[in-house]
Amino acid sequence: MAVVTVKGTEYHIDEKLFKNWNKIKDGRLKKKDEDRVFIVDGREGTGKSVFAIQQAAYVDESILDDMSRITFTAEQTLNAIRNTRSTLEHTKAIIFDEAFKGLASRSAVSKINKTVIQALMEMRQNNLLLFIVLPSFYMLDLYPAVSRSNALIHISKDKEGQKRSFRVFNYAKKARLYDLGLKKGWNYKVYTNFKGRFSGKFPGGDEYYQKYLKAKQDALITTTNTSEIVNPDAGINKFELKARDELPLIYVSIQKRMGWSDKEAEEEFKKMGIPKVASQMSVYRGKVAKLIAN
């Protein structure tokens, strides 16, 4: 575990995460002309928001001075992306916190997803680090969940509520997870050895925590529609996801992103427990073409 100090608060960051953040902080995203998108999900009270803020604040301490970059609505996120740019000296971070909180209707979820997709399409040129924090990444549409995000970080807490932990699913593994979850119900039954623990410390201490709570409260008061509130873990049918229509996009996106030939894709998909996919890649590409045309 690495020990970091942000705004006078000392806390630990997992060593693997620490090394990854060091590869993009201090303007390195701008120098690479890249961006990063990480999804952080977990049930209510697991500490997913604190985790995201800990990581973001280590990369970009200034996010605690500019609460407009800790957003609570899709519109706020889009606005923050349009008005934030990393420099050659400073990598800038944005957190979309509480995405989809309490929403049940498919129309409401779709509206947020459309805005998120628009934001992701616009952010690359600004070389930003974005965390999307939500109850479950299955609530996201295919593009942000599978194609556009770099990794999924799933947060959980033990039965006693004392130890907080995380698991990181890389690009290929979260795609496999999305595939399985849409078919068999929301679950996280894909193995990953990238895991660890984190504390509940808020960077900057109580002063910044109170600022965060006020911003969160103000946003939720103005956006919550009580007719749409449900348990976010209630089940996949609440969102009428068209899984079977979207699965071809997952496989083609993975192959393209990884630069695999059909033969390489066949071998890699088999390793992920998805046989007979690569041998039908031409069929999948045809389905993708029809989906795009429609």
Protein backbone atom coordinates (compact mmCIF):
# COMPACT_ATOMS: atom_id res chain seq x y z
CA MET A 1 0.00 0.00 0.00
CA ALA A 2 1.23 3.47 -0.89
CA VAL A 3 0.71 6.31 1.59
CA VAL A 4 -0.40 9.63 0.05
CA THR A 5 -1.31 13.00 1.53
CA VAL A 6 -3.99 15.16 -0.10
CA LYS A 7 -5.07 18.48 1.42
CA GLY A 8 -3.53 17.46 4.74
CA THR A 9 -5.25 14.06 4.88
CA GLU A 10 -3.11 10.93 4.80
CA TYR A 11 -4.58 7.74 3.37
CA HIS A 12 -3.52 4.54 1.62
CA ILE A 13 -3.85 3.65 -2.05
CA ASP A 14 -3.35 0.12 -3.32
CA GLU A 15 0.10 -0.28 -4.85
CA LYS A 16 -1.18 -1.40 -8.27
CA LEU A 17 -3.62 1.51 -8.45
CA PHE A 18 -0.91 3.89 -7.26
CA LYS A 19 1.40 2.84 -10.11
CA ASN A 20 -1.40 3.19 -12.65
CA TRP A 21 -2.34 6.69 -11.45
CA ASN A 22 1.30 7.75 -11.62
CA LYS A 23 1.28 6.88 -15.32
CA ILE A 24 -1.40 9.48 -16.06
CA LYS A 25 -0.98 12.23 -13.45
CA ASP A 26 1.10 15.43 -13.82
CA GLY A 27 0.02 16.07 -17.40
CA ARG A 28 0.92 12.65 -18.76
CA LEU A 29 -2.53 12.17 -20.33
CA LYS A 30 -2.07 15.38 -22.32
CA LYS A 31 1.39 14.30 -23.41
CA LYS A 32 -0.03 10.98 -24.60
CA ASP A 33 -3.07 12.75 -26.09
CA GLU A 34 -5.33 10.21 -24.37
CA ASP A 35 -8.08 10.08 -21.77
CA ARG A 36 -9.23 7.53 -19.20
CA VAL A 37 -12.72 6.43 -18.15
CA PHE A 38 -13.25 4.22 -15.09
CA ILE A 39 -16.57 2.88 -13.84
CA VAL A 40 -16.91 2.51 -10.07
CA ASP A 41 -19.94 0.57 -8.88
CA GLY A 42 -21.27 -1.07 -5.74
CA ARG A 43 -24.28 -1.20 -3.48
CA GLU A 44 -25.45 1.68 -1.31
CA GLY A 45 -23.10 2.35 1.61
CA THR A 46 -20.12 0.38 0.34
CA GLY A 47 -17.95 3.50 -0.02
CA LYS A 48 -17.75 3.73 -3.80
CA SER A 49 -17.96 7.54 -3.82
CA VAL A 50 -15.19 7.88 -1.22
CA PHE A 51 -13.05 5.44 -3.21
CA ALA A 52 -13.51 7.41 -6.43
CA ILE A 53 -12.72 10.71 -4.72
CA GLN A 54 -9.60 9.24 -3.09
CA GLN A 55 -8.25 8.11 -6.45
CA ALA A 56 -9.26 11.25 -8.35
CA ALA A 57 -7.87 13.58 -5.69
CA TYR A 58 -4.49 11.84 -5.75
CA VAL A 59 -4.24 12.40 -9.51
CA ASP A 60 -5.82 15.87 -9.39
CA GLU A 61 -5.85 17.55 -5.98
CA SER A 62 -7.56 20.62 -7.44
CA ILE A 63 -10.82 18.68 -7.85
CA LEU A 64 -11.47 19.34 -4.15
CA ASP A 65 -11.25 23.09 -4.74
CA ASP A 66 -13.56 22.98 -7.75
CA MET A 67 -16.70 21.13 -6.72
CA SER A 68 -18.18 21.73 -10.17
CA ARG A 69 -16.03 18.79 -11.28
CA ILE A 70 -17.71 16.44 -8.80
CA THR A 71 -21.02 16.18 -10.61
CA PHE A 72 -24.34 14.57 -9.75
CA THR A 73 -26.32 14.85 -12.99
CA ALA A 74 -25.53 13.94 -16.58
CA GLU A 75 -25.95 17.57 -17.62
CA GLN A 76 -23.47 18.74 -14.97
CA THR A 77 -21.01 16.12 -16.18
CA LEU A 78 -21.31 17.20 -19.80
CA ASN A 79 -20.82 20.83 -18.79
CA ALA A 80 -17.76 19.98 -16.68
CA ILE A 81 -16.20 18.04 -19.56
CA ARG A 82 -16.76 20.91 -21.97
CA ASN A 83 -15.13 23.38 -19.58
CA THR A 84 -12.18 21.33 -18.31
CA ARG A 85 -8.90 20.59 -20.06
CA SER A 86 -5.78 18.83 -18.89
CA THR A 87 -2.47 20.57 -19.49
CA LEU A 88 1.07 19.34 -20.00
CA GLU A 89 1.65 19.85 -16.27
CA HIS A 90 -1.70 18.91 -14.78
CA THR A 91 -4.07 16.00 -15.45
CA LYS A 92 -7.63 17.08 -14.65
CA ALA A 93 -10.24 14.71 -13.20
CA ILE A 94 -14.05 14.69 -13.18
CA ILE A 95 -16.35 12.46 -11.11
CA PHE A 96 -19.93 11.73 -12.15
CA ASP A 97 -21.20 10.62 -8.75
CA GLU A 98 -24.51 8.91 -7.98
CA ALA A 99 -25.24 8.31 -11.66
CA PHE A 100 -28.72 6.78 -12.04
CA LYS A 101 -29.41 6.95 -8.30
CA GLY A 102 -32.98 5.85 -7.64
CA LEU A 103 -34.13 5.80 -11.26
CA ALA A 104 -36.49 3.07 -12.37
CA SER A 105 -38.09 4.04 -15.67
CA ARG A 106 -36.31 3.00 -18.84
CA SER A 107 -36.96 6.43 -20.34
CA ALA A 108 -35.13 8.19 -17.49
CA VAL A 109 -32.21 5.77 -17.67
CA SER A 110 -32.03 6.14 -21.46
CA LYS A 111 -31.97 9.92 -21.21
CA ILE A 112 -29.00 9.84 -18.84
CA ASN A 113 -27.22 7.25 -20.97
CA LYS A 114 -27.60 9.43 -24.06
CA THR A 115 -26.05 12.40 -22.25
CA VAL A 116 -23.23 10.23 -20.89
CA ILE A 117 -22.48 8.96 -24.40
CA GLN A 118 -22.40 12.51 -25.71
CA ALA A 119 -20.04 13.52 -22.89
CA LEU A 120 -17.72 10.59 -23.61
CA MET A 121 -17.61 11.46 -27.28
CA GLU A 122 -16.58 15.03 -26.46
CA MET A 123 -14.05 14.39 -23.67
CA ARG A 124 -11.19 12.72 -25.58
CA GLN A 125 -9.86 15.98 -26.98
CA ASN A 126 -9.61 17.41 -23.44
CA ASN A 127 -7.43 14.51 -22.16
CA LEU A 128 -9.45 14.01 -18.98
CA LEU A 129 -9.71 11.37 -16.27
CA LEU A 130 -13.38 10.50 -15.63
CA PHE A 131 -14.89 8.33 -12.91
CA ILE A 132 -18.52 7.24 -13.32
CA VAL A 133 -19.94 6.16 -9.95
CA LEU A 134 -23.22 4.22 -9.94
CA PRO A 135 -25.05 1.29 -8.26
CA SER A 136 -24.29 -1.16 -11.08
CA PHE A 137 -22.48 -0.84 -14.37
CA TYR A 138 -25.23 -2.95 -15.99
CA MET A 139 -27.31 0.22 -15.90
CA LEU A 140 -25.01 1.72 -18.51
CA ASP A 141 -25.54 1.28 -22.23
CA LEU A 142 -23.10 -0.80 -24.23
CA TYR A 143 -20.89 2.06 -25.42
CA PRO A 144 -19.87 3.46 -22.00
CA ALA A 145 -19.96 0.10 -20.21
CA VAL A 146 -17.97 -1.97 -22.68
CA SER A 147 -16.48 -0.05 -25.59
CA ARG A 148 -15.47 3.29 -24.10
CA SER A 149 -14.45 2.67 -20.48
CA ASN A 150 -10.99 1.38 -19.58
CA ALA A 151 -11.94 -0.70 -16.54
CA LEU A 152 -14.65 -1.47 -14.01
CA ILE A 153 -13.89 -1.15 -10.29
CA HIS A 154 -16.45 -3.01 -8.18
CA ILE A 155 -16.70 -1.94 -4.54
CA SER A 156 -17.98 -4.13 -1.70
CA LYS A 157 -18.01 -4.28 2.08
CA ASP A 158 -17.84 -7.27 4.44
CA LYS A 159 -20.84 -8.45 6.46
CA GLU A 160 -19.65 -6.59 9.56
CA GLY A 161 -19.39 -3.39 7.53
CA GLN A 162 -15.82 -2.75 8.60
CA LYS A 163 -13.60 -3.74 5.68
CA ARG A 164 -14.05 -2.11 2.30
CA SER A 165 -12.60 -3.81 -0.74
CA PHE A 166 -12.42 -3.40 -4.51
CA ARG A 167 -11.98 -5.60 -7.56
CA VAL A 168 -10.74 -4.29 -10.90
CA PHE A 169 -11.99 -5.82 -14.15
CA ASN A 170 -9.88 -4.78 -17.13
CA TYR A 171 -11.24 -4.02 -20.60
CA ALA A 172 -11.67 -7.62 -21.71
CA LYS A 173 -12.90 -8.94 -18.36
CA LYS A 174 -15.58 -6.31 -17.89
CA ALA A 175 -16.84 -7.10 -21.40
CA ARG A 176 -17.13 -10.74 -20.40
CA LEU A 177 -18.86 -9.66 -17.19
CA TYR A 178 -21.36 -7.51 -19.10
CA ASP A 179 -22.11 -10.42 -21.42
CA LEU A 180 -22.73 -12.86 -18.55
CA GLY A 181 -24.64 -10.32 -16.46
CA LEU A 182 -27.13 -9.48 -19.18
CA LYS A 183 -27.77 -13.16 -19.88
CA LYS A 184 -27.95 -14.52 -16.33
CA GLY A 185 -28.76 -11.54 -14.11
CA TRP A 186 -26.49 -8.94 -12.60
CA ASN A 187 -23.45 -10.63 -11.09
CA TYR A 188 -19.67 -10.24 -10.87
CA LYS A 189 -18.63 -13.86 -11.37
CA VAL A 190 -15.57 -13.27 -13.52
CA TYR A 191 -12.24 -13.90 -11.83
CA THR A 192 -9.74 -11.08 -11.38
CA ASN A 193 -6.58 -11.05 -9.30
CA PHE A 194 -6.50 -7.24 -9.29
CA LYS A 195 -8.14 -6.56 -5.94
CA GLY A 196 -7.45 -4.88 -2.62
CA ARG A 197 -8.78 -2.81 0.25
CA PHE A 198 -9.22 0.88 0.96
CA SER A 199 -10.10 3.09 3.91
CA GLY A 200 -13.07 5.35 4.46
CA LYS A 201 -10.99 8.54 4.78
CA PHE A 202 -12.19 11.52 2.77
CA PRO A 203 -9.34 13.57 1.21
CA GLY A 204 -9.15 17.01 2.77
CA GLY A 205 -10.92 15.96 5.95
CA ASP A 206 -14.23 17.22 7.27
CA GLU A 207 -14.07 20.61 5.50
CA TYR A 208 -14.10 19.04 2.05
CA TYR A 209 -16.48 16.28 3.09
CA GLN A 210 -19.08 18.87 4.14
CA LYS A 211 -18.65 20.71 0.82
CA TYR A 212 -19.19 17.42 -0.98
CA LEU A 213 -22.32 16.58 1.03
CA LYS A 214 -23.83 20.00 0.38
CA ALA A 215 -23.19 19.78 -3.37
CA LYS A 216 -24.68 16.28 -3.42
CA GLN A 217 -27.74 17.29 -1.42
CA ASP A 218 -28.42 20.34 -3.58
CA ALA A 219 -28.18 18.27 -6.78
CA LEU A 220 -30.39 15.44 -5.55
CA ILE A 221 -33.07 17.81 -4.24
CA THR A 222 -33.40 19.46 -7.63
CA THR A 223 -33.34 16.28 -9.73
CA THR A 224 -35.08 13.52 -7.77
CA ASN A 225 -38.47 12.44 -9.06
CA THR A 226 -40.10 10.37 -6.31
CA SER A 227 -42.26 8.49 -8.81
CA GLU A 228 -39.12 6.89 -10.22
CA ILE A 229 -37.45 5.77 -6.97
CA VAL A 230 -36.82 2.03 -6.64
CA ASN A 231 -34.24 -0.34 -5.24
CA PRO A 232 -31.32 -0.17 -7.72
CA ASP A 233 -30.67 -3.88 -7.10
CA ALA A 234 -34.25 -4.83 -7.99
CA GLY A 235 -33.30 -6.67 -11.19
CA ILE A 236 -32.42 -6.37 -14.80
CA ASN A 237 -36.01 -6.51 -16.07
CA LYS A 238 -36.62 -3.03 -14.68
CA PHE A 239 -34.53 -1.64 -17.52
CA GLU A 240 -35.70 -3.84 -20.38
CA LEU A 241 -32.17 -4.18 -21.70
CA LYS A 242 -31.95 -5.63 -25.19
CA ALA A 243 -29.01 -7.84 -24.38
CA ARG A 244 -29.12 -10.23 -27.29
CA ASP A 245 -29.17 -7.40 -29.82
CA GLU A 246 -26.18 -5.72 -28.20
CA LEU A 247 -23.88 -8.71 -27.66
CA PRO A 248 -22.41 -8.67 -31.20
CA LEU A 249 -21.24 -5.13 -30.54
CA ILE A 250 -19.36 -6.32 -27.47
CA TYR A 251 -17.38 -8.95 -29.33
CA VAL A 252 -16.55 -6.77 -32.31
CA SER A 253 -15.57 -3.88 -30.04
CA ILE A 254 -13.20 -6.08 -28.05
CA GLN A 255 -11.54 -7.50 -31.18
CA LYS A 256 -11.09 -4.04 -32.68
CA ARG A 257 -9.84 -2.50 -29.42
CA MET A 258 -7.30 -5.29 -28.87
CA GLY A 259 -6.19 -5.40 -32.50
CA TRP A 260 -6.78 -9.16 -32.78
CA SER A 261 -7.06 -11.10 -36.02
CA ASP A 262 -9.98 -13.53 -36.24
CA LYS A 263 -7.70 -16.39 -35.24
CA GLU A 264 -6.25 -14.46 -32.30
CA ALA A 265 -9.75 -13.43 -31.24
CA GLU A 266 -10.89 -17.05 -31.29
CA GLU A 267 -8.05 -18.06 -28.95
CA GLU A 268 -8.58 -15.11 -26.60
CA PHE A 269 -12.35 -15.53 -26.43
CA LYS A 270 -11.89 -19.20 -25.57
CA LYS A 271 -9.67 -18.15 -22.66
CA MET A 272 -12.51 -15.92 -21.46
CA GLY A 273 -14.94 -18.81 -21.72
CA ILE A 274 -16.68 -17.56 -24.89
CA PRO A 275 -16.23 -20.36 -27.44
CA LYS A 276 -17.42 -20.28 -31.07
CA VAL A 277 -17.52 -16.48 -31.16
CA ALA A 278 -14.44 -15.70 -33.20
CA SER A 279 -15.27 -18.32 -35.83
CA GLN A 280 -18.43 -16.32 -36.52
CA MET A 281 -16.84 -12.85 -36.45
CA SER A 282 -17.91 -12.10 -40.02
CA VAL A 283 -21.51 -12.85 -39.00
CA TYR A 284 -21.20 -10.58 -35.98
CA ARG A 285 -19.75 -7.80 -38.08
CA GLY A 286 -22.73 -8.12 -40.38
CA LYS A 287 -25.09 -7.82 -37.42
CA VAL A 288 -23.21 -4.75 -36.24
CA ALA A 289 -23.58 -3.15 -39.67
CA LYS A 290 -27.35 -3.74 -39.52
CA LEU A 291 -27.59 -2.34 -35.98
CA ILE A 292 -25.73 0.80 -37.02
CA ALA A 293 -27.90 1.16 -40.13
CA ASN A 294 -31.02 0.95 -38.00
